[in-house]
C-alpha atoms as a PDB file:
ATOM      1  CA  MET A   1      -2.402 -16.228 -18.616  1.00  0.00           C
ATOM      2  CA  LYS A   2       0.885 -17.819 -17.571  1.00  0.00           C
ATOM      3  CA  PRO A   3       1.439 -18.021 -13.775  1.00  0.00           C
ATOM      4  CA  THR A   4       4.411 -16.093 -12.458  1.00  0.00           C
ATOM      5  CA  SER A   5       6.994 -17.269  -9.974  1.00  0.00           C
ATOM      6  CA  PRO A   6       7.025 -15.696  -6.479  1.00  0.00           C
ATOM      7  CA  GLU A   7      10.345 -13.988  -7.271  1.00  0.00           C
ATOM      8  CA  ARG A   8       9.001 -12.460 -10.491  1.00  0.00           C
ATOM      9  CA  SER A   9       5.836 -11.389  -8.690  1.00  0.00           C
ATOM     10  CA  ARG A  10       7.921  -9.698  -5.974  1.00  0.00           C
ATOM     11  CA  LYS A  11      10.031  -7.880  -8.565  1.00  0.00           C
ATOM     12  CA  LEU A  12       6.913  -6.684 -10.410  1.00  0.00           C
ATOM     13  CA  THR A  13       5.394  -5.457  -7.140  1.00  0.00           C
ATOM     14  CA  GLN A  14       8.576  -3.551  -6.284  1.00  0.00           C
ATOM     15  CA  LYS A  15       8.675  -2.038  -9.763  1.00  0.00           C
ATOM     16  CA  MET A  16       5.017  -0.919  -9.546  1.00  0.00           C
ATOM     17  CA  PHE A  17       5.656   0.573  -6.092  1.00  0.00           C
ATOM     18  CA  THR A  18       8.678   2.489  -7.403  1.00  0.00           C
ATOM     19  CA  ILE A  19       6.639   3.863 -10.307  1.00  0.00           C
ATOM     20  CA  PHE A  20       3.742   4.949  -8.049  1.00  0.00           C
ATOM     21  CA  TYR A  21       6.113   6.546  -5.543  1.00  0.00           C
ATOM     22  CA  SER A  22       8.028   8.491  -8.198  1.00  0.00           C
ATOM     23  CA  LEU A  23       4.754   9.718  -9.716  1.00  0.00           C
ATOM     24  CA  ILE A  24       3.503  10.951  -6.356  1.00  0.00           C
ATOM     25  CA  GLN A  25       6.799  12.766  -5.757  1.00  0.00           C
ATOM     26  CA  ARG A  26       6.559  14.528  -9.127  1.00  0.00           C
ATOM     27  CA  LEU A  27       2.854  15.354  -8.938  1.00  0.00           C
ATOM     28  CA  LYS A  28       2.818  16.949  -5.489  1.00  0.00           C
ATOM     29  CA  PHE A  29       0.270  19.558  -6.522  1.00  0.00           C
ATOM     30  CA  MET A  30      -2.242  17.221  -8.160  1.00  0.00           C
ATOM     31  CA  CYS A  31      -4.873  14.854  -6.819  1.00  0.00           C
ATOM     32  CA  GLY A  32      -3.937  11.229  -6.958  1.00  0.00           C
ATOM     33  CA  ILE A  33      -4.978   7.740  -6.075  1.00  0.00           C
ATOM     34  CA  ALA A  34      -2.398   5.060  -5.422  1.00  0.00           C
ATOM     35  CA  GLY A  35      -2.908   1.374  -4.875  1.00  0.00           C
ATOM     36  CA  VAL A  36      -0.834  -1.538  -3.710  1.00  0.00           C
ATOM     37  CA  ILE A  37      -1.633  -5.140  -4.564  1.00  0.00           C
ATOM     38  CA  TYR A  38       0.532  -7.837  -3.065  1.00  0.00           C
ATOM     39  CA  ARG A  39       0.345 -11.222  -4.749  1.00  0.00           C
ATOM     40  CA  ASN A  40       2.821 -12.848  -2.414  1.00  0.00           C
ATOM     41  CA  PRO A  41       1.690 -13.258   1.232  1.00  0.00           C
ATOM     42  CA  GLN A  42       5.291 -12.821   2.396  1.00  0.00           C
ATOM     43  CA  ASP A  43       5.081  -9.167   1.319  1.00  0.00           C
ATOM     44  CA  TYR A  44       2.064  -8.424   3.545  1.00  0.00           C
ATOM     45  CA  GLN A  45       4.275  -7.573   6.530  1.00  0.00           C
ATOM     46  CA  LYS A  46       5.612  -4.433   4.825  1.00  0.00           C
ATOM     47  CA  LEU A  47       2.182  -3.115   3.819  1.00  0.00           C
ATOM     48  CA  GLY A  48       2.062  -0.402   6.484  1.00  0.00           C
ATOM     49  CA  ALA A  49       5.478   1.014   5.613  1.00  0.00           C
ATOM     50  CA  ASP A  50       4.704   0.984   1.889  1.00  0.00           C
ATOM     51  CA  LEU A  51       1.339   2.723   2.342  1.00  0.00           C
ATOM     52  CA  LEU A  52       2.863   5.402   4.554  1.00  0.00           C
ATOM     53  CA  SER A  53       5.565   6.153   2.002  1.00  0.00           C
ATOM     54  CA  LEU A  54       2.864   6.524  -0.671  1.00  0.00           C
ATOM     55  CA  ILE A  55       0.697   8.966   1.299  1.00  0.00           C
ATOM     56  CA  ARG A  56       3.409  10.899   3.157  1.00  0.00           C
ATOM     57  CA  PRO A  57       3.915  13.382   0.274  1.00  0.00           C
ATOM     58  CA  LEU A  58       0.172  14.171   0.429  1.00  0.00           C
ATOM     59  CA  GLU A  59      -0.023  15.059   4.132  1.00  0.00           C
ATOM     60  CA  SER A  60       0.867  18.730   3.624  1.00  0.00           C
ATOM     61  CA  ARG A  61      -2.363  19.346   1.692  1.00  0.00           C
ATOM     62  CA  GLY A  62      -4.578  19.915   4.713  1.00  0.00           C
ATOM     63  CA  PHE A  63      -6.787  18.040   7.144  1.00  0.00           C
ATOM     64  CA  ASP A  64      -8.480  15.843   4.527  1.00  0.00           C
ATOM     65  CA  SER A  65      -5.423  15.406   2.344  1.00  0.00           C
ATOM     66  CA  CYS A  66      -4.889  11.680   2.600  1.00  0.00           C
ATOM     67  CA  GLY A  67      -6.297   8.446   3.909  1.00  0.00           C
ATOM     68  CA  VAL A  68      -5.967   4.710   3.720  1.00  0.00           C
ATOM     69  CA  GLY A  69      -8.532   2.019   2.961  1.00  0.00           C
ATOM     70  CA  LEU A  70      -7.759  -1.641   3.500  1.00  0.00           C
ATOM     71  CA  PHE A  71      -9.861  -4.318   1.844  1.00  0.00           C
ATOM     72  CA  GLY A  72      -9.617  -8.052   2.265  1.00  0.00           C
ATOM     73  CA  ASN A  73     -10.876 -10.930   4.336  1.00  0.00           C
ATOM     74  CA  LYS A  74     -12.706  -9.864   7.481  1.00  0.00           C
ATOM     75  CA  ILE A  75     -10.723 -10.524  10.641  1.00  0.00           C
ATOM     76  CA  GLU A  76     -12.673 -10.916  13.857  1.00  0.00           C
ATOM     77  CA  PRO A  77     -11.423  -8.829  16.786  1.00  0.00           C
ATOM     78  CA  PRO A  78      -9.600 -10.844  19.447  1.00  0.00           C
ATOM     79  CA  LEU A  79     -11.582 -11.968  22.464  1.00  0.00           C
ATOM     80  CA  ILE A  80     -10.310 -10.295  25.622  1.00  0.00           C
ATOM     81  CA  LYS A  81     -11.170 -11.646  29.057  1.00  0.00           C
ATOM     82  CA  LEU A  82     -10.648  -9.535  32.138  1.00  0.00           C
ATOM     83  CA  PHE A  83     -10.210 -11.297  35.471  1.00  0.00           C
END
């Protein structure tokens, strides 16, 4: 498989996001699973906003209508010292 440039990877990610978002908007009355995979670390900073825009249309379905799962490298909680 041929490696892609960061710009092409970003464009593909944006295109996939647009497709997922438009599907969720059209299928408001159906169950759905959406996923986001970022291949470029520079895109990680917008993860929260992108996930919220994917699940926002689902929030009117009731108390267990939507949720988010994040998977990746484990990050240790910061050490807090109180004086």
